[in-house]
Amino acid sequence: MSWLLLFVAGLLEAGWVIGLKQSESLTKLPYVAFAALSMLLSLVLFAQAIQKIPVAHAYIIWVGVGVIAMSVINALFFAEPIVKSHYFFYGLILAGVIGLKFS
């Protein structure tokens, strides 16, 4: 269960960054509210996950999931390209996450 909480926390980390980007320097309040809620939920879930997962591993996974989620969101909704080499490096992040889970 802790791993699922950590994964969702990573997705929410991407959510608050996207919310900040869309808020246009905190001028669009719905996006600010979305960012703040995503940030709060991400931190709460992260705090719960580190009760059972070593904090160093949890932090790496939290950030890694957030980075990959941000890249996918940016590619799908903001027309930012993902070049072929990115897939390789995202795969390395994913392999690291899986390795930490099973080690």
Protein backbone atom coordinates (compact mmCIF):
# COMPACT_ATOMS: atom_id res chain seq x y z
CA MET A 1 0.00 0.00 0.00
CA SER A 2 2.86 2.38 0.75
CA TRP A 3 4.17 1.96 -2.78
CA LEU A 4 0.80 2.86 -4.24
CA LEU A 5 0.60 5.94 -2.03
CA LEU A 6 4.08 6.93 -3.15
CA PHE A 7 3.18 6.48 -6.82
CA VAL A 8 0.05 8.64 -6.45
CA ALA A 9 2.11 11.23 -4.54
CA GLY A 10 4.49 11.37 -7.52
CA LEU A 11 1.61 11.91 -9.93
CA LEU A 12 0.27 14.69 -7.69
CA GLU A 13 3.72 16.27 -7.68
CA ALA A 14 3.42 16.64 -11.43
CA GLY A 15 -0.07 18.04 -10.89
CA TRP A 16 1.06 20.91 -8.74
CA VAL A 17 3.86 21.84 -11.11
CA ILE A 18 1.43 21.89 -14.05
CA GLY A 19 -0.99 23.93 -11.93
CA LEU A 20 1.71 26.50 -11.23
CA LYS A 21 2.63 26.64 -14.91
CA GLN A 22 -0.98 27.21 -15.93
CA SER A 23 -1.59 29.80 -13.19
CA GLU A 24 0.51 32.37 -15.09
CA SER A 25 2.54 33.62 -12.10
CA LEU A 26 -0.26 32.86 -9.64
CA THR A 27 -2.79 35.13 -11.37
CA LYS A 28 -5.37 32.46 -12.30
CA LEU A 29 -6.87 31.38 -9.00
CA PRO A 30 -8.42 28.06 -10.09
CA TYR A 31 -4.98 26.83 -11.18
CA VAL A 32 -3.41 28.17 -7.98
CA ALA A 33 -6.01 26.25 -5.96
CA PHE A 34 -5.36 23.10 -8.02
CA ALA A 35 -1.61 23.47 -7.47
CA ALA A 36 -2.01 24.02 -3.72
CA LEU A 37 -4.34 21.05 -3.32
CA SER A 38 -2.07 18.80 -5.39
CA MET A 39 0.95 19.91 -3.37
CA LEU A 40 -0.79 19.26 -0.06
CA LEU A 41 -2.06 15.83 -1.09
CA SER A 42 1.32 14.90 -2.55
CA LEU A 43 3.10 15.77 0.68
CA VAL A 44 0.53 13.96 2.84
CA LEU A 45 0.81 10.78 0.77
CA PHE A 46 4.61 11.06 0.69
CA ALA A 47 4.66 11.41 4.49
CA GLN A 48 2.53 8.30 4.83
CA ALA A 49 4.70 6.33 2.41
CA ILE A 50 7.96 7.09 4.23
CA GLN A 51 6.64 5.36 7.31
CA LYS A 52 7.33 2.02 5.57
CA ILE A 53 9.72 2.91 2.73
CA PRO A 54 13.21 4.29 3.43
CA VAL A 55 13.10 8.04 2.89
CA ALA A 56 16.00 8.11 0.41
CA HIS A 57 14.32 5.49 -1.79
CA ALA A 58 10.93 7.14 -1.43
CA TYR A 59 12.28 10.53 -2.44
CA ILE A 60 13.99 9.19 -5.56
CA ILE A 61 10.81 7.37 -6.58
CA TRP A 62 8.58 10.38 -5.80
CA VAL A 63 10.70 12.65 -7.99
CA GLY A 64 11.16 10.03 -10.73
CA VAL A 65 7.43 9.37 -11.05
CA GLY A 66 6.83 13.14 -11.08
CA VAL A 67 9.39 13.71 -13.83
CA ILE A 68 7.98 11.01 -16.08
CA ALA A 69 4.40 12.15 -15.44
CA MET A 70 5.36 15.76 -16.22
CA SER A 71 6.99 14.72 -19.48
CA VAL A 72 3.96 12.70 -20.59
CA ILE A 73 1.55 15.50 -19.62
CA ASN A 74 3.68 18.09 -21.41
CA ALA A 75 3.83 15.95 -24.54
CA LEU A 76 0.11 15.21 -24.59
CA PHE A 77 -1.32 18.58 -23.62
CA PHE A 78 1.34 21.23 -24.27
CA ALA A 79 2.95 19.94 -27.48
CA GLU A 80 6.40 19.62 -25.95
CA PRO A 81 8.34 17.01 -27.88
CA ILE A 82 9.82 13.86 -26.41
CA VAL A 83 12.89 12.85 -28.39
CA LYS A 84 13.87 9.20 -28.79
CA SER A 85 16.72 9.41 -26.28
CA HIS A 86 14.25 10.51 -23.60
CA TYR A 87 12.52 7.13 -23.77
CA PHE A 88 15.80 5.43 -22.92
CA PHE A 89 16.40 7.62 -19.89
CA TYR A 90 12.79 7.34 -18.71
CA GLY A 91 13.28 3.59 -18.96
CA LEU A 92 16.31 3.88 -16.72
CA ILE A 93 14.27 5.80 -14.16
CA LEU A 94 11.55 3.16 -14.34
CA ALA A 95 14.11 0.36 -14.01
CA GLY A 96 15.52 2.10 -10.93
CA VAL A 97 12.07 2.39 -9.36
CA ILE A 98 11.32 -1.29 -10.03
CA GLY A 99 14.76 -2.26 -8.74
CA LEU A 100 14.21 -0.37 -5.49
CA LYS A 101 10.80 -1.99 -5.06
CA PHE A 102 12.15 -5.52 -5.38
CA SER A 103 15.50 -5.11 -3.62
